[in-house]
Amino acid sequence: MADETPGDDTLAAYRESIDNIDAALVFMLAERFKITKAVGRYKARSGLPPADPGRETAQVARLRALAASANLDPEFSEKFLRFIIDEVIRHHQTAAVGQHGA
């Protein structure tokens, strides 16, 4: 990398850790979406609505508290979770349409 000094082992080690964390995040998100897609199919078969505002509110509060205890900005964690929740709801809506042929 052009901005590194030759032999900058410290920076290389930091970047390797970041790369490992990024890989773990991708795999964790993949696993999460695998499960939430199964939930969407279950909801569709059971006639349940794609969204659950009560659960979403509880999850946001729980994740904000976890973020604060981990010294992570709760606003950032809420934005990140909201992005994930919106994608999950979209998957659930797709599952509902597929189940009911609407």
C-alpha atoms as a PDB file:
ATOM      1  CA  MET A   1       0.000   0.000   0.000  1.00  0.00           C
ATOM      2  CA  ALA A   2       1.431   3.345  -1.049  1.00  0.00           C
ATOM      3  CA  ASP A   3       0.695   5.197   2.223  1.00  0.00           C
ATOM      4  CA  GLU A   4       2.529   2.702   4.450  1.00  0.00           C
ATOM      5  CA  THR A   5       6.162   2.932   5.272  1.00  0.00           C
ATOM      6  CA  PRO A   6       8.083  -0.224   4.461  1.00  0.00           C
ATOM      7  CA  GLY A   7       8.093  -2.590   7.404  1.00  0.00           C
ATOM      8  CA  ASP A   8       5.208  -0.861   9.211  1.00  0.00           C
ATOM      9  CA  ASP A   9       4.199  -3.999  11.095  1.00  0.00           C
ATOM     10  CA  THR A  10       1.967  -2.128  13.534  1.00  0.00           C
ATOM     11  CA  LEU A  11      -0.257  -0.692  10.825  1.00  0.00           C
ATOM     12  CA  ALA A  12      -0.315  -4.027   8.999  1.00  0.00           C
ATOM     13  CA  ALA A  13      -1.400  -5.789  12.206  1.00  0.00           C
ATOM     14  CA  TYR A  14      -4.167  -3.251  12.814  1.00  0.00           C
ATOM     15  CA  ARG A  15      -5.410  -3.665   9.272  1.00  0.00           C
ATOM     16  CA  GLU A  16      -5.315  -7.445   9.531  1.00  0.00           C
ATOM     17  CA  SER A  17      -7.482  -7.238  12.643  1.00  0.00           C
ATOM     18  CA  ILE A  18      -9.905  -4.892  10.876  1.00  0.00           C
ATOM     19  CA  ASP A  19     -10.096  -7.301   7.932  1.00  0.00           C
ATOM     20  CA  ASN A  20     -10.827 -10.198  10.293  1.00  0.00           C
ATOM     21  CA  ILE A  21     -13.546  -8.220  12.060  1.00  0.00           C
ATOM     22  CA  ASP A  22     -15.098  -7.225   8.721  1.00  0.00           C
ATOM     23  CA  ALA A  23     -15.157 -10.882   7.662  1.00  0.00           C
ATOM     24  CA  ALA A  24     -16.790 -11.869  10.956  1.00  0.00           C
ATOM     25  CA  LEU A  25     -19.421  -9.145  10.515  1.00  0.00           C
ATOM     26  CA  VAL A  26     -20.266 -10.394   7.032  1.00  0.00           C
ATOM     27  CA  PHE A  27     -20.679 -13.976   8.244  1.00  0.00           C
ATOM     28  CA  MET A  28     -22.720 -12.874  11.269  1.00  0.00           C
ATOM     29  CA  LEU A  29     -25.022 -10.806   9.058  1.00  0.00           C
ATOM     30  CA  ALA A  30     -25.401 -13.733   6.664  1.00  0.00           C
ATOM     31  CA  GLU A  31     -26.395 -15.995   9.553  1.00  0.00           C
ATOM     32  CA  ARG A  32     -28.786 -13.383  10.936  1.00  0.00           C
ATOM     33  CA  PHE A  33     -30.508 -12.969   7.576  1.00  0.00           C
ATOM     34  CA  LYS A  34     -30.747 -16.747   7.116  1.00  0.00           C
ATOM     35  CA  ILE A  35     -32.694 -16.922  10.380  1.00  0.00           C
ATOM     36  CA  THR A  36     -34.824 -13.844   9.733  1.00  0.00           C
ATOM     37  CA  LYS A  37     -35.785 -15.205   6.302  1.00  0.00           C
ATOM     38  CA  ALA A  38     -36.979 -18.370   8.054  1.00  0.00           C
ATOM     39  CA  VAL A  39     -38.961 -16.158  10.435  1.00  0.00           C
ATOM     40  CA  GLY A  40     -40.476 -14.383   7.429  1.00  0.00           C
ATOM     41  CA  ARG A  41     -41.573 -17.685   5.901  1.00  0.00           C
ATOM     42  CA  TYR A  42     -43.028 -18.751   9.253  1.00  0.00           C
ATOM     43  CA  LYS A  43     -44.915 -15.468   9.609  1.00  0.00           C
ATOM     44  CA  ALA A  44     -46.261 -15.773   6.072  1.00  0.00           C
ATOM     45  CA  ARG A  45     -47.480 -19.351   6.670  1.00  0.00           C
ATOM     46  CA  SER A  46     -49.020 -18.316  10.000  1.00  0.00           C
ATOM     47  CA  GLY A  47     -50.717 -15.193   8.668  1.00  0.00           C
ATOM     48  CA  LEU A  48     -48.647 -12.923  10.912  1.00  0.00           C
ATOM     49  CA  PRO A  49     -47.755  -9.397   9.786  1.00  0.00           C
ATOM     50  CA  PRO A  50     -44.265  -8.846   8.345  1.00  0.00           C
ATOM     51  CA  ALA A  51     -43.427  -6.122  10.885  1.00  0.00           C
ATOM     52  CA  ASP A  52     -43.658  -6.234  14.675  1.00  0.00           C
ATOM     53  CA  PRO A  53     -43.340  -2.643  15.935  1.00  0.00           C
ATOM     54  CA  GLY A  54     -43.278  -3.723  19.601  1.00  0.00           C
ATOM     55  CA  ARG A  55     -40.384  -6.102  19.000  1.00  0.00           C
ATOM     56  CA  GLU A  56     -38.557  -3.475  16.940  1.00  0.00           C
ATOM     57  CA  THR A  57     -38.893  -0.878  19.716  1.00  0.00           C
ATOM     58  CA  ALA A  58     -37.632  -3.361  22.306  1.00  0.00           C
ATOM     59  CA  GLN A  59     -34.704  -4.379  20.090  1.00  0.00           C
ATOM     60  CA  VAL A  60     -33.684  -0.774  19.459  1.00  0.00           C
ATOM     61  CA  ALA A  61     -33.767  -0.022  23.202  1.00  0.00           C
ATOM     62  CA  ARG A  62     -31.806  -3.187  23.991  1.00  0.00           C
ATOM     63  CA  LEU A  63     -29.161  -2.468  21.333  1.00  0.00           C
ATOM     64  CA  ARG A  64     -28.838   1.179  22.386  1.00  0.00           C
ATOM     65  CA  ALA A  65     -28.168   0.037  25.960  1.00  0.00           C
ATOM     66  CA  LEU A  66     -25.649  -2.551  24.773  1.00  0.00           C
ATOM     67  CA  ALA A  67     -23.944   0.068  22.617  1.00  0.00           C
ATOM     68  CA  ALA A  68     -23.681   2.484  25.523  1.00  0.00           C
ATOM     69  CA  SER A  69     -22.163  -0.220  27.740  1.00  0.00           C
ATOM     70  CA  ALA A  70     -19.662  -1.030  24.967  1.00  0.00           C
ATOM     71  CA  ASN A  71     -18.731   2.652  24.501  1.00  0.00           C
ATOM     72  CA  LEU A  72     -20.295   2.670  21.041  1.00  0.00           C
ATOM     73  CA  ASP A  73     -22.429   5.617  19.991  1.00  0.00           C
ATOM     74  CA  PRO A  74     -26.068   4.564  20.629  1.00  0.00           C
ATOM     75  CA  GLU A  75     -27.228   6.774  17.726  1.00  0.00           C
ATOM     76  CA  PHE A  76     -24.937   4.891  15.363  1.00  0.00           C
ATOM     77  CA  SER A  77     -26.074   1.524  16.705  1.00  0.00           C
ATOM     78  CA  GLU A  78     -29.716   2.507  16.255  1.00  0.00           C
ATOM     79  CA  LYS A  79     -29.118   3.614  12.655  1.00  0.00           C
ATOM     80  CA  PHE A  80     -27.303   0.362  11.943  1.00  0.00           C
ATOM     81  CA  LEU A  81     -30.065  -1.728  13.539  1.00  0.00           C
ATOM     82  CA  ARG A  82     -32.786   0.255  11.755  1.00  0.00           C
ATOM     83  CA  PHE A  83     -31.076  -0.476   8.428  1.00  0.00           C
ATOM     84  CA  ILE A  84     -31.062  -4.211   9.257  1.00  0.00           C
ATOM     85  CA  ILE A  85     -34.660  -4.192  10.518  1.00  0.00           C
ATOM     86  CA  ASP A  86     -35.867  -2.424   7.363  1.00  0.00           C
ATOM     87  CA  GLU A  87     -34.163  -5.073   5.223  1.00  0.00           C
ATOM     88  CA  VAL A  88     -35.665  -7.880   7.327  1.00  0.00           C
ATOM     89  CA  ILE A  89     -39.159  -6.392   6.956  1.00  0.00           C
ATOM     90  CA  ARG A  90     -38.631  -6.177   3.199  1.00  0.00           C
ATOM     91  CA  HIS A  91     -37.730  -9.892   3.188  1.00  0.00           C
ATOM     92  CA  HIS A  92     -40.799 -10.688   5.299  1.00  0.00           C
ATOM     93  CA  GLN A  93     -43.046  -8.729   2.940  1.00  0.00           C
ATOM     94  CA  THR A  94     -41.594 -10.656   0.002  1.00  0.00           C
ATOM     95  CA  ALA A  95     -42.244 -13.927   1.818  1.00  0.00           C
ATOM     96  CA  ALA A  96     -45.827 -12.876   2.557  1.00  0.00           C
ATOM     97  CA  VAL A  97     -46.454 -12.024  -1.098  1.00  0.00           C
ATOM     98  CA  GLY A  98     -44.974 -15.357  -2.175  1.00  0.00           C
ATOM     99  CA  GLN A  99     -47.069 -17.271   0.363  1.00  0.00           C
ATOM    100  CA  HIS A 100     -50.356 -15.586  -0.508  1.00  0.00           C
ATOM    101  CA  GLY A 101     -49.775 -14.974  -4.198  1.00  0.00           C
ATOM    102  CA  ALA A 102     -50.743 -11.324  -3.810  1.00  0.00           C
END
